[in-house]
């Protein structure tokens, strides 16, 4: 839910701002100094918070959980 809210906010801002040349990750990698460090730290914090949120909500209906694909054995 956190990432969906951030996505809506970010893409609404982009819609008003206009086209950009790259992703947030591209911008944070390209920037040096304190601004780049802060962008990378924020990106890591958001990813970590989204992981914690997903783990916490996985048991709720519609949470989807974790899927693992396995090849079935066929007998000939």
N, C-alpha and C. Protein backbone atom coordinates (compact mmCIF):
# COMPACT_ATOMS: atom_id res chain seq x y z
N UNK A 1 0.82 -1.18 0.00
CA UNK A 1 0.00 0.00 0.00
C UNK A 1 0.87 1.26 0.00
N UNK A 2 1.97 1.21 0.75
CA UNK A 2 2.89 2.34 0.79
C UNK A 2 3.43 2.67 -0.59
N UNK A 3 3.88 1.65 -1.32
CA UNK A 3 4.43 1.91 -2.64
C UNK A 3 3.37 2.41 -3.62
N UNK A 4 2.14 1.93 -3.48
CA UNK A 4 1.09 2.42 -4.36
C UNK A 4 0.83 3.91 -4.14
N UNK A 5 0.82 4.32 -2.88
CA UNK A 5 0.61 5.74 -2.57
C UNK A 5 1.78 6.57 -3.11
N UNK A 6 2.99 6.07 -2.91
CA UNK A 6 4.16 6.79 -3.44
C UNK A 6 4.15 6.83 -4.96
N UNK A 7 3.75 5.74 -5.60
CA UNK A 7 3.66 5.73 -7.07
C UNK A 7 2.65 6.75 -7.57
N UNK A 8 1.48 6.78 -6.95
CA UNK A 8 0.46 7.74 -7.37
C UNK A 8 0.96 9.16 -7.19
N UNK A 9 1.60 9.43 -6.06
CA UNK A 9 2.14 10.78 -5.81
C UNK A 9 3.21 11.13 -6.81
N UNK A 10 4.15 10.22 -7.03
CA UNK A 10 5.27 10.49 -7.94
C UNK A 10 4.79 10.69 -9.38
N UNK A 11 3.92 9.80 -9.86
CA UNK A 11 3.48 9.91 -11.24
C UNK A 11 2.52 11.08 -11.44
N UNK A 12 1.79 11.47 -10.41
CA UNK A 12 0.97 12.69 -10.51
C UNK A 12 1.87 13.91 -10.62
N UNK A 13 2.96 13.92 -9.84
CA UNK A 13 3.93 15.00 -9.93
C UNK A 13 4.57 15.04 -11.32
N UNK A 14 4.93 13.86 -11.85
CA UNK A 14 5.51 13.81 -13.19
C UNK A 14 4.53 14.30 -14.25
N UNK A 15 3.25 13.97 -14.06
CA UNK A 15 2.24 14.40 -15.01
C UNK A 15 2.18 15.93 -15.08
N UNK A 16 2.32 16.59 -13.94
CA UNK A 16 2.31 18.05 -13.91
C UNK A 16 3.63 18.63 -14.39
N UNK A 17 4.75 17.98 -14.07
CA UNK A 17 6.08 18.47 -14.40
C UNK A 17 6.43 18.29 -15.86
N UNK A 18 6.06 17.15 -16.40
CA UNK A 18 6.42 16.85 -17.78
C UNK A 18 7.39 15.69 -17.83
N UNK A 19 7.84 15.34 -19.02
CA UNK A 19 8.70 14.16 -19.17
C UNK A 19 10.05 14.32 -18.46
N UNK A 20 10.59 13.19 -18.02
CA UNK A 20 11.92 13.17 -17.40
C UNK A 20 12.82 12.26 -18.22
N UNK A 21 14.11 12.40 -18.01
CA UNK A 21 15.07 11.65 -18.82
C UNK A 21 15.41 10.28 -18.26
N UNK A 22 15.02 9.97 -17.04
CA UNK A 22 15.35 8.67 -16.45
C UNK A 22 14.54 8.38 -15.22
N UNK A 23 14.84 7.26 -14.61
CA UNK A 23 14.11 6.85 -13.41
C UNK A 23 14.72 7.51 -12.17
N UNK A 24 14.07 7.33 -11.04
CA UNK A 24 14.58 7.86 -9.78
C UNK A 24 15.93 7.22 -9.47
N UNK A 25 16.04 5.92 -9.73
CA UNK A 25 17.31 5.23 -9.49
C UNK A 25 18.42 5.79 -10.36
N UNK A 26 18.10 6.10 -11.63
CA UNK A 26 19.10 6.70 -12.52
C UNK A 26 19.55 8.06 -11.99
N UNK A 27 18.59 8.86 -11.55
CA UNK A 27 18.93 10.19 -11.04
C UNK A 27 19.77 10.09 -9.77
N UNK A 28 19.44 9.15 -8.87
CA UNK A 28 20.19 9.04 -7.63
C UNK A 28 21.61 8.54 -7.88
N UNK A 29 21.79 7.69 -8.87
CA UNK A 29 23.12 7.17 -9.21
C UNK A 29 23.97 8.26 -9.85
N UNK A 30 23.36 9.08 -10.68
CA UNK A 30 24.09 10.11 -11.40
C UNK A 30 24.53 11.27 -10.50
N UNK A 31 23.80 11.50 -9.44
CA UNK A 31 24.13 12.63 -8.57
C UNK A 31 25.16 12.22 -7.52
N UNK A 32 26.07 13.11 -7.27
CA UNK A 32 27.06 12.89 -6.23
C UNK A 32 26.77 13.78 -5.03
N UNK A 33 27.64 13.73 -4.07
CA UNK A 33 27.52 14.61 -2.91
C UNK A 33 26.35 14.26 -2.01
N UNK A 34 25.99 15.20 -1.16
CA UNK A 34 24.93 14.95 -0.17
C UNK A 34 23.55 14.71 -0.80
N UNK A 35 23.27 15.36 -1.92
CA UNK A 35 21.97 15.17 -2.56
C UNK A 35 21.84 13.75 -3.09
N UNK A 36 22.86 13.26 -3.76
CA UNK A 36 22.85 11.89 -4.26
C UNK A 36 22.78 10.88 -3.13
N UNK A 37 23.55 11.13 -2.08
CA UNK A 37 23.53 10.23 -0.93
C UNK A 37 22.13 10.17 -0.32
N UNK A 38 21.50 11.34 -0.19
CA UNK A 38 20.16 11.41 0.41
C UNK A 38 19.13 10.69 -0.48
N UNK A 39 19.26 10.85 -1.80
CA UNK A 39 18.33 10.17 -2.72
C UNK A 39 18.49 8.65 -2.63
N UNK A 40 19.73 8.18 -2.56
CA UNK A 40 19.96 6.73 -2.44
C UNK A 40 19.48 6.20 -1.10
N UNK A 41 19.71 6.95 -0.04
CA UNK A 41 19.25 6.52 1.29
C UNK A 41 17.72 6.47 1.35
N UNK A 42 17.07 7.46 0.75
CA UNK A 42 15.61 7.47 0.72
C UNK A 42 15.07 6.30 -0.09
N UNK A 43 15.71 6.02 -1.22
CA UNK A 43 15.29 4.89 -2.05
C UNK A 43 15.41 3.57 -1.29
N UNK A 44 16.51 3.39 -0.57
CA UNK A 44 16.69 2.17 0.22
C UNK A 44 15.68 2.09 1.35
N UNK A 45 15.39 3.22 2.00
CA UNK A 45 14.43 3.25 3.10
C UNK A 45 13.02 2.89 2.60
N UNK A 46 12.64 3.42 1.45
CA UNK A 46 11.32 3.12 0.89
C UNK A 46 11.22 1.64 0.52
N UNK A 47 12.26 1.10 -0.10
CA UNK A 47 12.26 -0.32 -0.46
C UNK A 47 12.18 -1.19 0.78
N UNK A 48 12.90 -0.83 1.82
CA UNK A 48 12.86 -1.60 3.07
C UNK A 48 11.49 -1.52 3.73
N UNK A 49 10.91 -0.33 3.75
CA UNK A 49 9.58 -0.17 4.35
C UNK A 49 8.54 -0.96 3.56
N UNK A 50 8.65 -0.98 2.24
CA UNK A 50 7.70 -1.73 1.42
C UNK A 50 7.86 -3.24 1.67
N UNK A 51 9.08 -3.71 1.87
CA UNK A 51 9.30 -5.12 2.17
C UNK A 51 8.66 -5.48 3.50
N UNK A 52 8.87 -4.64 4.51
CA UNK A 52 8.27 -4.89 5.83
C UNK A 52 6.75 -4.88 5.72
N UNK A 53 6.21 -3.93 4.98
CA UNK A 53 4.76 -3.85 4.80
C UNK A 53 4.23 -5.11 4.11
N UNK A 54 4.90 -5.57 3.07
CA UNK A 54 4.47 -6.76 2.36
C UNK A 54 4.50 -7.99 3.26
N UNK A 55 5.53 -8.11 4.08
CA UNK A 55 5.61 -9.24 5.01
C UNK A 55 4.50 -9.17 6.04
N UNK A 56 4.17 -7.97 6.49
CA UNK A 56 3.11 -7.82 7.49
C UNK A 56 1.72 -8.07 6.95
N UNK A 57 1.50 -7.76 5.67
CA UNK A 57 0.17 -7.89 5.08
C UNK A 57 -0.03 -9.19 4.32
N UNK A 58 0.97 -10.05 4.29
CA UNK A 58 0.89 -11.26 3.45
C UNK A 58 -0.22 -12.21 3.87
N UNK A 59 -0.63 -12.20 5.13
CA UNK A 59 -1.65 -13.13 5.60
C UNK A 59 -3.08 -12.64 5.32
N UNK A 60 -3.23 -11.39 4.94
CA UNK A 60 -4.56 -10.85 4.69
C UNK A 60 -5.11 -11.37 3.36
N UNK A 61 -6.43 -11.50 3.26
CA UNK A 61 -7.01 -11.90 1.97
C UNK A 61 -6.63 -10.88 0.89
N UNK A 62 -6.22 -11.39 -0.24
CA UNK A 62 -5.80 -10.53 -1.32
C UNK A 62 -4.34 -10.13 -1.22
N UNK A 63 -3.66 -10.61 -0.18
CA UNK A 63 -2.26 -10.28 0.00
C UNK A 63 -1.36 -11.04 -0.95
N UNK A 64 -1.88 -12.03 -1.62
CA UNK A 64 -1.20 -12.83 -2.63
C UNK A 64 -0.13 -13.75 -2.06
N UNK A 65 0.63 -13.34 -1.10
CA UNK A 65 1.66 -14.21 -0.55
C UNK A 65 2.82 -14.40 -1.49
N UNK A 66 3.50 -15.50 -1.33
CA UNK A 66 4.69 -15.80 -2.12
C UNK A 66 4.39 -16.99 -3.01
N UNK A 67 4.72 -16.88 -4.27
CA UNK A 67 4.47 -17.96 -5.21
C UNK A 67 5.79 -18.56 -5.65
N UNK A 68 5.82 -19.86 -5.71
CA UNK A 68 6.99 -20.56 -6.20
C UNK A 68 6.56 -21.47 -7.33
N UNK A 69 7.25 -21.39 -8.43
CA UNK A 69 6.95 -22.25 -9.57
C UNK A 69 7.86 -23.46 -9.51
N UNK A 70 7.28 -24.61 -9.75
CA UNK A 70 8.06 -25.84 -9.78
C UNK A 70 7.61 -26.65 -10.99
N UNK A 71 8.57 -27.26 -11.66
CA UNK A 71 8.25 -28.08 -12.81
C UNK A 71 7.70 -29.41 -12.32
N UNK A 72 6.56 -29.80 -12.87
CA UNK A 72 5.99 -31.08 -12.46
C UNK A 72 6.68 -32.21 -13.19
N UNK A 73 6.77 -33.32 -12.54
CA UNK A 73 7.38 -34.51 -13.14
C UNK A 73 6.32 -35.27 -13.90
N UNK A 74 6.60 -35.57 -15.13
CA UNK A 74 5.65 -36.36 -15.94
C UNK A 74 6.18 -37.77 -16.04
N UNK A 75 5.30 -38.71 -15.91
CA UNK A 75 5.71 -40.11 -16.06
C UNK A 75 5.47 -40.55 -17.49
N UNK A 76 6.43 -41.25 -18.05
CA UNK A 76 6.30 -41.68 -19.44
C UNK A 76 5.97 -43.13 -19.51
